[in-house]
């Protein structure tokens, strides 16, 4: 079907065996597998993510870095975290949340239980610190990363040129999520 990267989900240690098997099968087809950094999964914490990545131990098995889930789970997600993940990042996905005890939505975490949040625009305050995220990604050049090789740090200017809209206006208008993948960052607001 032409996909070069497939997102998977793992919930228990027994899934490590199956992830290895799936990665071996995928490698024969030039496909990479990745798990998103996500609440209520084996990738809810940085240490847990690194433990699973090392346990699976396949070069075509990596991580979809998504800082908002780690923000909600109370995990560090910025420059130092990105350095720790070097060599494991296959894709970057961004969205933004604000922690709010009277939030419009909730996320379940294994470490903090139910966390109330508001979905907010990417560059709104009190959510993910994207300046820190982009600074951490700017110099990162691991093999096989989709859209990170310095492109991500320059994404705002690239969007301005492509869309003819100042980034600040565009980011302020986005209240959903933004997927960044491929050789050039591409907008893909989620509609769900």
C-alpha atoms as a PDB file:
ATOM      1  CA  UNK A   1       0.000   0.000   0.000  1.00  0.00           C
ATOM      2  CA  UNK A   2       3.041   2.261  -0.217  1.00  0.00           C
ATOM      3  CA  UNK A   3       3.456   3.327   3.424  1.00  0.00           C
ATOM      4  CA  UNK A   4       7.021   3.629   4.686  1.00  0.00           C
ATOM      5  CA  UNK A   5       6.061   4.296   8.323  1.00  0.00           C
ATOM      6  CA  UNK A   6       3.299   2.607  10.326  1.00  0.00           C
ATOM      7  CA  UNK A   7       2.197   3.725  13.775  1.00  0.00           C
ATOM      8  CA  UNK A   8       1.599   0.940  16.283  1.00  0.00           C
ATOM      9  CA  UNK A   9       0.301   0.781  19.866  1.00  0.00           C
ATOM     10  CA  UNK A  10       1.756  -1.203  22.751  1.00  0.00           C
ATOM     11  CA  UNK A  11       0.167  -1.548  26.202  1.00  0.00           C
ATOM     12  CA  UNK A  12       1.958  -4.417  27.996  1.00  0.00           C
ATOM     13  CA  UNK A  13       5.428  -5.970  28.106  1.00  0.00           C
ATOM     14  CA  UNK A  14       4.194  -8.988  26.150  1.00  0.00           C
ATOM     15  CA  UNK A  15       3.749  -6.614  23.210  1.00  0.00           C
ATOM     16  CA  UNK A  16       7.544  -6.269  22.961  1.00  0.00           C
ATOM     17  CA  UNK A  17       7.813  -9.769  21.486  1.00  0.00           C
ATOM     18  CA  UNK A  18       5.154  -8.937  18.886  1.00  0.00           C
ATOM     19  CA  UNK A  19       6.749  -5.584  18.096  1.00  0.00           C
ATOM     20  CA  UNK A  20      10.045  -7.375  17.361  1.00  0.00           C
ATOM     21  CA  UNK A  21       8.278  -9.844  15.084  1.00  0.00           C
ATOM     22  CA  UNK A  22       6.358  -7.064  13.337  1.00  0.00           C
ATOM     23  CA  UNK A  23       9.532  -4.986  12.916  1.00  0.00           C
ATOM     24  CA  UNK A  24      11.321  -7.973  11.352  1.00  0.00           C
ATOM     25  CA  UNK A  25       8.433  -8.485   8.909  1.00  0.00           C
ATOM     26  CA  UNK A  26       8.265  -4.759   8.186  1.00  0.00           C
ATOM     27  CA  UNK A  27      12.024  -4.531   7.570  1.00  0.00           C
ATOM     28  CA  UNK A  28      11.684  -7.079   4.759  1.00  0.00           C
ATOM     29  CA  UNK A  29       9.291  -4.618   3.108  1.00  0.00           C
ATOM     30  CA  UNK A  30      11.357  -1.453   3.807  1.00  0.00           C
ATOM     31  CA  UNK A  31       8.815  -0.269   6.359  1.00  0.00           C
ATOM     32  CA  UNK A  32       9.520   1.370   9.703  1.00  0.00           C
ATOM     33  CA  UNK A  33       7.277   0.992  12.758  1.00  0.00           C
ATOM     34  CA  UNK A  34       6.864   3.673  15.386  1.00  0.00           C
ATOM     35  CA  UNK A  35       4.963   4.216  18.600  1.00  0.00           C
ATOM     36  CA  UNK A  36       3.780   7.691  19.511  1.00  0.00           C
ATOM     37  CA  UNK A  37       4.794   9.196  22.837  1.00  0.00           C
ATOM     38  CA  UNK A  38       1.353   8.873  24.367  1.00  0.00           C
ATOM     39  CA  UNK A  39      -0.485   8.818  27.677  1.00  0.00           C
ATOM     40  CA  UNK A  40      -1.760   5.474  28.958  1.00  0.00           C
ATOM     41  CA  UNK A  41       0.768   3.479  26.965  1.00  0.00           C
ATOM     42  CA  UNK A  42       4.238   2.045  27.438  1.00  0.00           C
ATOM     43  CA  UNK A  43       5.429   5.365  25.960  1.00  0.00           C
ATOM     44  CA  UNK A  44       3.880   7.663  28.597  1.00  0.00           C
ATOM     45  CA  UNK A  45       7.282   8.395  30.154  1.00  0.00           C
ATOM     46  CA  UNK A  46      10.664   9.071  28.615  1.00  0.00           C
ATOM     47  CA  UNK A  47      12.353   6.315  30.632  1.00  0.00           C
ATOM     48  CA  UNK A  48       9.578   3.868  29.736  1.00  0.00           C
ATOM     49  CA  UNK A  49       9.857   4.798  26.068  1.00  0.00           C
ATOM     50  CA  UNK A  50      13.617   4.293  26.015  1.00  0.00           C
ATOM     51  CA  UNK A  51      13.255   0.982  27.866  1.00  0.00           C
ATOM     52  CA  UNK A  52      10.802  -0.337  25.256  1.00  0.00           C
ATOM     53  CA  UNK A  53      12.781   1.023  22.298  1.00  0.00           C
ATOM     54  CA  UNK A  54      15.900  -0.750  23.585  1.00  0.00           C
ATOM     55  CA  UNK A  55      13.982  -3.949  24.391  1.00  0.00           C
ATOM     56  CA  UNK A  56      12.503  -4.119  20.878  1.00  0.00           C
ATOM     57  CA  UNK A  57      15.986  -3.387  19.593  1.00  0.00           C
ATOM     58  CA  UNK A  58      15.256  -3.125  15.877  1.00  0.00           C
ATOM     59  CA  UNK A  59      16.685  -0.319  13.699  1.00  0.00           C
ATOM     60  CA  UNK A  60      13.344   0.113  11.955  1.00  0.00           C
ATOM     61  CA  UNK A  61      11.435   0.545  15.235  1.00  0.00           C
ATOM     62  CA  UNK A  62      11.299   4.069  16.624  1.00  0.00           C
ATOM     63  CA  UNK A  63       9.282   6.862  18.121  1.00  0.00           C
ATOM     64  CA  UNK A  64       6.781   9.432  16.940  1.00  0.00           C
ATOM     65  CA  UNK A  65       7.703  12.376  19.147  1.00  0.00           C
ATOM     66  CA  UNK A  66       4.590  14.185  20.390  1.00  0.00           C
ATOM     67  CA  UNK A  67       5.398  16.584  23.234  1.00  0.00           C
ATOM     68  CA  UNK A  68       1.825  17.448  24.332  1.00  0.00           C
ATOM     69  CA  UNK A  69       1.156  13.950  25.664  1.00  0.00           C
ATOM     70  CA  UNK A  70       4.310  14.116  27.780  1.00  0.00           C
ATOM     71  CA  UNK A  71       3.338  17.620  28.924  1.00  0.00           C
ATOM     72  CA  UNK A  72      -0.042  16.272  30.132  1.00  0.00           C
ATOM     73  CA  UNK A  73       1.651  13.278  31.800  1.00  0.00           C
ATOM     74  CA  UNK A  74       4.009  15.634  33.683  1.00  0.00           C
ATOM     75  CA  UNK A  75       7.088  14.473  31.785  1.00  0.00           C
ATOM     76  CA  UNK A  76       9.919  16.639  30.477  1.00  0.00           C
ATOM     77  CA  UNK A  77       9.620  17.000  26.710  1.00  0.00           C
ATOM     78  CA  UNK A  78      12.021  19.740  25.576  1.00  0.00           C
ATOM     79  CA  UNK A  79      15.638  19.965  24.451  1.00  0.00           C
ATOM     80  CA  UNK A  80      17.161  17.551  26.953  1.00  0.00           C
ATOM     81  CA  UNK A  81      14.486  14.940  26.272  1.00  0.00           C
ATOM     82  CA  UNK A  82      14.982  15.287  22.527  1.00  0.00           C
ATOM     83  CA  UNK A  83      18.739  14.729  23.003  1.00  0.00           C
ATOM     84  CA  UNK A  84      17.987  11.532  24.942  1.00  0.00           C
ATOM     85  CA  UNK A  85      15.782  10.311  22.093  1.00  0.00           C
ATOM     86  CA  UNK A  86      18.313  10.944  19.332  1.00  0.00           C
ATOM     87  CA  UNK A  87      18.508   8.002  16.971  1.00  0.00           C
ATOM     88  CA  UNK A  88      14.992   6.840  17.871  1.00  0.00           C
ATOM     89  CA  UNK A  89      12.900   9.659  16.361  1.00  0.00           C
ATOM     90  CA  UNK A  90      11.094   8.688  13.162  1.00  0.00           C
ATOM     91  CA  UNK A  91       8.390  11.360  13.043  1.00  0.00           C
ATOM     92  CA  UNK A  92       7.171  14.466  14.837  1.00  0.00           C
ATOM     93  CA  UNK A  93       3.531  15.241  15.578  1.00  0.00           C
ATOM     94  CA  UNK A  94       2.394  18.327  17.449  1.00  0.00           C
ATOM     95  CA  UNK A  95      -0.753  19.462  19.205  1.00  0.00           C
ATOM     96  CA  UNK A  96      -1.279  21.665  22.233  1.00  0.00           C
ATOM     97  CA  UNK A  97      -3.193  21.406  25.508  1.00  0.00           C
ATOM     98  CA  UNK A  98      -3.571  23.582  28.570  1.00  0.00           C
ATOM     99  CA  UNK A  99      -3.899  21.900  31.960  1.00  0.00           C
ATOM    100  CA  UNK A 100      -7.134  23.155  33.525  1.00  0.00           C
ATOM    101  CA  UNK A 101      -8.908  21.730  36.600  1.00  0.00           C
ATOM    102  CA  UNK A 102     -12.207  22.700  34.897  1.00  0.00           C
ATOM    103  CA  UNK A 103     -11.063  21.617  31.437  1.00  0.00           C
ATOM    104  CA  UNK A 104     -13.298  20.960  28.445  1.00  0.00           C
ATOM    105  CA  UNK A 105     -11.720  17.549  27.859  1.00  0.00           C
ATOM    106  CA  UNK A 106      -9.769  14.919  29.734  1.00  0.00           C
ATOM    107  CA  UNK A 107      -6.931  12.510  29.115  1.00  0.00           C
ATOM    108  CA  UNK A 108      -6.230   9.387  31.124  1.00  0.00           C
ATOM    109  CA  UNK A 109      -2.649   8.838  32.204  1.00  0.00           C
ATOM    110  CA  UNK A 110      -1.153   5.898  34.030  1.00  0.00           C
ATOM    111  CA  UNK A 111       0.917   8.141  36.298  1.00  0.00           C
ATOM    112  CA  UNK A 112      -1.515  10.973  37.134  1.00  0.00           C
ATOM    113  CA  UNK A 113      -4.904   9.403  36.463  1.00  0.00           C
ATOM    114  CA  UNK A 114      -7.493  11.568  34.714  1.00  0.00           C
ATOM    115  CA  UNK A 115      -6.109  14.976  33.695  1.00  0.00           C
ATOM    116  CA  UNK A 116      -8.463  17.786  32.663  1.00  0.00           C
ATOM    117  CA  UNK A 117      -7.294  19.870  29.702  1.00  0.00           C
ATOM    118  CA  UNK A 118      -8.309  22.448  27.152  1.00  0.00           C
ATOM    119  CA  UNK A 119      -7.330  21.966  23.505  1.00  0.00           C
ATOM    120  CA  UNK A 120      -5.572  25.166  22.438  1.00  0.00           C
ATOM    121  CA  UNK A 121      -3.796  26.646  19.434  1.00  0.00           C
ATOM    122  CA  UNK A 122      -0.201  25.650  18.915  1.00  0.00           C
ATOM    123  CA  UNK A 123       1.415  28.855  20.104  1.00  0.00           C
ATOM    124  CA  UNK A 124      -1.051  29.764  22.842  1.00  0.00           C
ATOM    125  CA  UNK A 125       0.423  30.263  26.295  1.00  0.00           C
ATOM    126  CA  UNK A 126       0.231  27.817  29.202  1.00  0.00           C
ATOM    127  CA  UNK A 127       0.645  24.744  27.017  1.00  0.00           C
ATOM    128  CA  UNK A 128       3.626  23.124  25.337  1.00  0.00           C
ATOM    129  CA  UNK A 129       6.699  25.357  25.065  1.00  0.00           C
ATOM    130  CA  UNK A 130       7.246  25.008  21.314  1.00  0.00           C
ATOM    131  CA  UNK A 131      10.225  27.383  21.330  1.00  0.00           C
ATOM    132  CA  UNK A 132      12.037  24.802  23.469  1.00  0.00           C
ATOM    133  CA  UNK A 133      10.769  21.918  21.316  1.00  0.00           C
ATOM    134  CA  UNK A 134      11.872  23.518  18.037  1.00  0.00           C
ATOM    135  CA  UNK A 135      15.216  24.561  19.515  1.00  0.00           C
ATOM    136  CA  UNK A 136      15.786  20.949  20.551  1.00  0.00           C
ATOM    137  CA  UNK A 137      14.869  19.644  17.114  1.00  0.00           C
ATOM    138  CA  UNK A 138      16.780  22.300  15.178  1.00  0.00           C
ATOM    139  CA  UNK A 139      20.212  20.702  15.316  1.00  0.00           C
ATOM    140  CA  UNK A 140      19.044  17.103  15.443  1.00  0.00           C
ATOM    141  CA  UNK A 141      20.011  15.167  12.338  1.00  0.00           C
ATOM    142  CA  UNK A 142      19.416  11.453  13.014  1.00  0.00           C
ATOM    143  CA  UNK A 143      18.970   9.165  10.010  1.00  0.00           C
ATOM    144  CA  UNK A 144      15.430   8.472   8.891  1.00  0.00           C
ATOM    145  CA  UNK A 145      13.629  11.294  10.692  1.00  0.00           C
ATOM    146  CA  UNK A 146      10.691  12.633   8.688  1.00  0.00           C
ATOM    147  CA  UNK A 147      10.697  16.392   8.529  1.00  0.00           C
ATOM    148  CA  UNK A 148      13.174  17.165  11.291  1.00  0.00           C
ATOM    149  CA  UNK A 149      16.517  17.793   9.547  1.00  0.00           C
ATOM    150  CA  UNK A 150      16.429  21.465  10.420  1.00  0.00           C
ATOM    151  CA  UNK A 151      13.149  21.849   8.526  1.00  0.00           C
ATOM    152  CA  UNK A 152      11.051  21.733  11.653  1.00  0.00           C
ATOM    153  CA  UNK A 153      12.854  24.648  13.257  1.00  0.00           C
ATOM    154  CA  UNK A 154      12.247  26.691  10.111  1.00  0.00           C
ATOM    155  CA  UNK A 155       8.626  25.530   9.749  1.00  0.00           C
ATOM    156  CA  UNK A 156       6.979  28.843  10.698  1.00  0.00           C
ATOM    157  CA  UNK A 157       8.821  30.771   7.950  1.00  0.00           C
ATOM    158  CA  UNK A 158       8.174  27.958   5.471  1.00  0.00           C
ATOM    159  CA  UNK A 159       4.429  28.086   6.237  1.00  0.00           C
ATOM    160  CA  UNK A 160       4.439  31.847   5.769  1.00  0.00           C
ATOM    161  CA  UNK A 161       6.062  31.514   2.337  1.00  0.00           C
ATOM    162  CA  UNK A 162       3.841  28.607   1.216  1.00  0.00           C
ATOM    163  CA  UNK A 163       0.558  29.970   2.464  1.00  0.00           C
ATOM    164  CA  UNK A 164       1.109  33.714   2.267  1.00  0.00           C
ATOM    165  CA  UNK A 165      -0.160  34.077   5.840  1.00  0.00           C
ATOM    166  CA  UNK A 166       1.988  35.360   8.729  1.00  0.00           C
ATOM    167  CA  UNK A 167       2.756  32.413  11.014  1.00  0.00           C
ATOM    168  CA  UNK A 168       1.467  34.195  14.119  1.00  0.00           C
ATOM    169  CA  UNK A 169      -1.959  34.607  12.516  1.00  0.00           C
ATOM    170  CA  UNK A 170      -1.991  31.019  11.262  1.00  0.00           C
ATOM    171  CA  UNK A 171      -0.870  29.526  14.597  1.00  0.00           C
ATOM    172  CA  UNK A 172      -3.397  31.646  16.465  1.00  0.00           C
ATOM    173  CA  UNK A 173      -6.169  30.418  14.182  1.00  0.00           C
ATOM    174  CA  UNK A 174      -5.331  26.752  14.628  1.00  0.00           C
ATOM    175  CA  UNK A 175      -7.153  25.227  17.562  1.00  0.00           C
ATOM    176  CA  UNK A 176      -6.646  21.615  16.534  1.00  0.00           C
ATOM    177  CA  UNK A 177      -3.506  19.726  15.799  1.00  0.00           C
ATOM    178  CA  UNK A 178      -0.691  19.885  13.313  1.00  0.00           C
ATOM    179  CA  UNK A 179       1.119  16.931  11.807  1.00  0.00           C
ATOM    180  CA  UNK A 180       4.628  17.506  10.518  1.00  0.00           C
ATOM    181  CA  UNK A 181       5.998  14.847   8.214  1.00  0.00           C
ATOM    182  CA  UNK A 182       7.775  14.315   4.931  1.00  0.00           C
ATOM    183  CA  UNK A 183      10.607  16.309   3.432  1.00  0.00           C
ATOM    184  CA  UNK A 184       8.757  19.577   3.972  1.00  0.00           C
ATOM    185  CA  UNK A 185       6.493  20.371   6.890  1.00  0.00           C
ATOM    186  CA  UNK A 186       2.859  19.963   5.831  1.00  0.00           C
ATOM    187  CA  UNK A 187      -0.236  21.246   7.569  1.00  0.00           C
ATOM    188  CA  UNK A 188      -2.853  18.693   8.455  1.00  0.00           C
ATOM    189  CA  UNK A 189      -5.363  20.030  11.018  1.00  0.00           C
ATOM    190  CA  UNK A 190      -7.284  17.214  12.641  1.00  0.00           C
ATOM    191  CA  UNK A 191     -11.058  17.367  12.367  1.00  0.00           C
ATOM    192  CA  UNK A 192     -12.107  14.948  15.106  1.00  0.00           C
END
